[in-house]
Amino acid sequence: MARSERRALYYEDNEEFDPSISVDVNEYLIEHWPTLTLKNRTSVWTLCQNDEDFDFDSIYEQIDDWVHTLAEEDPNVDLGEEDEGDEDDEDEEDEEDFDEDDSLDGYLIFDTVGYLSSKYPNMTEEQLFAVSDHMNSDEAFSWDVLYTYADAYVMQYASEIDNTIDLEESSEESE
């Protein structure tokens, strides 16, 4: 089940929740461009809808500003790690400190909530995130099965695709 479908199911019983912000292009044009005819306004609306490069960045920036305002006012708001796109002003400063090792290239990312929601469809979104958080913070949780699978995958890849791979393990890893 896609993330958007899970969200829709989670909020379907809450009739007051409408997570969208909409712009009535016709009303906007009537107010700001009163000389345009209905045909002109319809054309502008169509052009906006069909423009693959229509820029929503200023809207997203305003939403981000409100997120930061909320976080400043409510100490219980956890923003986690900010998206790289949200740090446009800090990009230049961060470029100097960015180490190539900080990149996510080469990492295997496991969508815990996505997996759990498809495996256990009756769990609420709150329960899904609670289990995910608990799993990620549990020091006893072991990824050994994943490491075993990765080793087996390397062996298979080396035998079927690239036989030049040296399969000798380092002495640290084989202990």
Protein backbone atom coordinates (compact mmCIF):
# COMPACT_ATOMS: atom_id res chain seq x y z
CA MET A 1 0.00 0.00 0.00
CA ALA A 2 1.45 3.36 -0.99
CA ARG A 3 2.24 5.96 1.64
CA SER A 4 -0.42 8.32 0.28
CA GLU A 5 -3.04 5.56 0.49
CA ARG A 6 -2.09 4.84 4.11
CA ARG A 7 -2.41 8.51 4.96
CA ALA A 8 -5.80 8.69 3.25
CA LEU A 9 -7.04 5.70 5.24
CA TYR A 10 -5.74 7.23 8.46
CA TYR A 11 -7.58 10.50 7.91
CA GLU A 12 -10.72 9.25 6.15
CA ASP A 13 -12.78 9.28 9.35
CA ASN A 14 -11.81 12.85 10.20
CA GLU A 15 -14.09 15.04 8.07
CA GLU A 16 -12.54 18.24 9.43
CA PHE A 17 -9.05 17.35 8.22
CA ASP A 18 -8.21 18.74 4.79
CA PRO A 19 -4.43 18.82 4.29
CA SER A 20 -4.52 20.77 1.05
CA ILE A 21 -4.14 24.45 0.33
CA SER A 22 -5.92 25.48 -2.82
CA VAL A 23 -5.90 28.55 -4.97
CA ASP A 24 -8.99 29.54 -6.90
CA VAL A 25 -7.24 30.81 -10.02
CA ASN A 26 -10.46 32.30 -11.38
CA GLU A 27 -11.11 34.37 -8.22
CA TYR A 28 -7.47 35.44 -8.06
CA LEU A 29 -7.56 36.62 -11.67
CA ILE A 30 -10.87 38.44 -11.21
CA GLU A 31 -9.44 40.31 -8.23
CA HIS A 32 -6.00 41.09 -9.66
CA TRP A 33 -6.68 41.16 -13.41
CA PRO A 34 -10.27 42.39 -13.70
CA THR A 35 -10.08 43.05 -17.43
CA LEU A 36 -9.52 39.39 -18.34
CA THR A 37 -12.53 37.62 -19.80
CA LEU A 38 -13.74 34.23 -18.63
CA LYS A 39 -12.10 32.71 -21.70
CA ASN A 40 -8.78 34.44 -20.79
CA ARG A 41 -9.02 33.27 -17.17
CA THR A 42 -9.75 29.70 -18.29
CA SER A 43 -6.73 29.84 -20.57
CA VAL A 44 -4.49 31.01 -17.74
CA TRP A 45 -5.82 28.25 -15.47
CA THR A 46 -5.15 25.65 -18.21
CA LEU A 47 -1.64 27.00 -18.80
CA CYS A 48 -0.88 26.77 -15.08
CA GLN A 49 -2.19 23.22 -14.84
CA ASN A 50 -0.28 22.02 -17.89
CA ASP A 51 3.01 23.69 -16.97
CA GLU A 52 5.32 20.90 -15.80
CA ASP A 53 7.74 23.53 -14.48
CA PHE A 54 5.14 25.47 -12.49
CA ASP A 55 7.09 26.65 -9.46
CA PHE A 56 5.58 25.80 -6.09
CA ASP A 57 8.83 26.61 -4.24
CA SER A 58 7.54 29.83 -2.70
CA ILE A 59 4.52 27.97 -1.33
CA TYR A 60 6.74 25.25 0.13
CA GLU A 61 9.02 27.90 1.64
CA GLN A 62 6.03 29.52 3.33
CA ILE A 63 4.92 26.14 4.69
CA ASP A 64 8.47 25.53 5.98
CA ASP A 65 8.42 28.96 7.65
CA TRP A 66 5.26 27.99 9.51
CA VAL A 67 6.82 24.66 10.53
CA HIS A 68 9.75 26.55 12.04
CA THR A 69 7.39 29.01 13.75
CA LEU A 70 5.45 26.13 15.27
CA ALA A 71 8.68 24.47 16.42
CA GLU A 72 9.84 27.70 18.06
CA GLU A 73 6.52 28.10 19.90
CA ASP A 74 6.03 24.45 20.90
CA PRO A 75 9.00 22.65 22.46
CA ASN A 76 7.27 19.28 21.84
CA VAL A 77 7.59 19.65 18.07
CA ASP A 78 10.41 17.43 16.81
CA LEU A 79 11.62 18.45 13.36
CA GLY A 80 14.11 15.62 13.14
CA GLU A 81 16.75 16.16 10.50
CA GLU A 82 15.81 18.83 8.03
CA ASP A 83 15.54 18.07 4.35
CA GLU A 84 18.48 19.32 2.27
CA GLY A 85 16.02 21.38 0.22
CA ASP A 86 14.88 23.25 3.34
CA GLU A 87 18.33 24.61 4.02
CA ASP A 88 18.86 26.79 0.96
CA ASP A 89 20.25 29.64 3.06
CA GLU A 90 22.66 27.33 4.85
CA ASP A 91 23.80 25.39 1.76
CA GLU A 92 26.83 27.55 1.11
CA GLU A 93 28.02 27.24 4.71
CA ASP A 94 27.37 23.49 4.79
CA GLU A 95 29.23 22.84 1.52
CA GLU A 96 32.51 23.67 3.22
CA ASP A 97 31.81 21.21 6.05
CA PHE A 98 30.28 18.48 3.88
CA ASP A 99 32.28 15.31 3.88
CA GLU A 100 31.68 12.76 1.12
CA ASP A 101 31.22 10.16 3.86
CA ASP A 102 28.05 12.05 4.91
CA SER A 103 26.33 11.08 1.66
CA LEU A 104 23.64 8.39 1.73
CA ASP A 105 25.12 6.74 -1.37
CA GLY A 106 25.88 3.14 -0.56
CA TYR A 107 23.39 2.93 2.30
CA LEU A 108 20.49 0.52 2.31
CA ILE A 109 17.48 2.36 3.68
CA PHE A 110 14.69 0.30 5.22
CA ASP A 111 11.28 1.95 5.37
CA THR A 112 10.21 0.48 8.70
CA VAL A 113 6.83 2.23 8.76
CA GLY A 114 6.11 1.30 5.14
CA TYR A 115 6.91 -2.35 5.79
CA LEU A 116 4.92 -2.49 9.01
CA SER A 117 1.88 -0.79 7.47
CA SER A 118 1.75 -3.29 4.61
CA LYS A 119 2.36 -6.28 6.91
CA TYR A 120 -0.01 -5.08 9.67
CA PRO A 121 -2.71 -3.02 7.91
CA ASN A 122 -4.83 -2.66 11.06
CA MET A 123 -2.20 -0.68 12.96
CA THR A 124 -2.83 3.04 13.23
CA GLU A 125 -0.25 5.50 11.93
CA GLU A 126 0.58 6.41 15.53
CA GLN A 127 1.19 2.75 16.37
CA LEU A 128 3.32 2.26 13.25
CA PHE A 129 5.59 5.16 14.16
CA ALA A 130 5.73 4.09 17.81
CA VAL A 131 6.88 0.58 16.88
CA SER A 132 9.37 1.99 14.37
CA ASP A 133 10.80 4.42 16.93
CA HIS A 134 11.01 1.66 19.53
CA MET A 135 12.78 -0.65 17.08
CA ASN A 136 15.26 2.03 16.05
CA SER A 137 16.09 2.96 19.64
CA ASP A 138 16.33 -0.61 20.98
CA GLU A 139 20.00 -1.44 21.45
CA ALA A 140 19.15 -5.16 21.58
CA PHE A 141 17.62 -5.07 18.08
CA SER A 142 19.93 -6.96 15.72
CA TRP A 143 20.47 -6.50 12.03
CA ASP A 144 22.56 -9.72 11.85
CA VAL A 145 20.05 -11.37 9.52
CA LEU A 146 20.52 -8.51 7.06
CA TYR A 147 24.31 -8.84 7.26
CA THR A 148 24.04 -12.59 6.60
CA TYR A 149 21.83 -11.88 3.60
CA ALA A 150 24.26 -9.24 2.32
CA ASP A 151 27.16 -11.71 2.57
CA ALA A 152 25.17 -14.34 0.65
CA TYR A 153 24.27 -11.74 -1.97
CA VAL A 154 27.93 -10.79 -2.43
CA MET A 155 28.84 -14.47 -2.89
CA GLN A 156 26.09 -14.91 -5.49
CA TYR A 157 27.01 -11.68 -7.28
CA ALA A 158 30.67 -12.69 -7.40
CA SER A 159 29.91 -16.13 -8.79
CA GLU A 160 27.29 -15.07 -11.34
CA ILE A 161 28.22 -11.53 -12.40
CA ASP A 162 31.74 -10.46 -11.39
CA ASN A 163 34.19 -13.26 -10.66
CA THR A 164 37.00 -10.74 -10.13
CA ILE A 165 35.70 -9.89 -6.65
CA ASP A 166 38.10 -11.02 -3.92
CA LEU A 167 35.88 -12.84 -1.42
CA GLU A 168 38.51 -13.13 1.30
CA GLU A 169 37.13 -11.47 4.44
CA SER A 170 39.27 -9.19 6.57
CA SER A 171 40.59 -10.71 9.77
CA GLU A 172 38.53 -8.23 11.85
CA GLU A 173 35.23 -9.20 10.20
CA SER A 174 35.81 -12.96 10.17
CA GLU A 175 36.43 -13.20 13.95
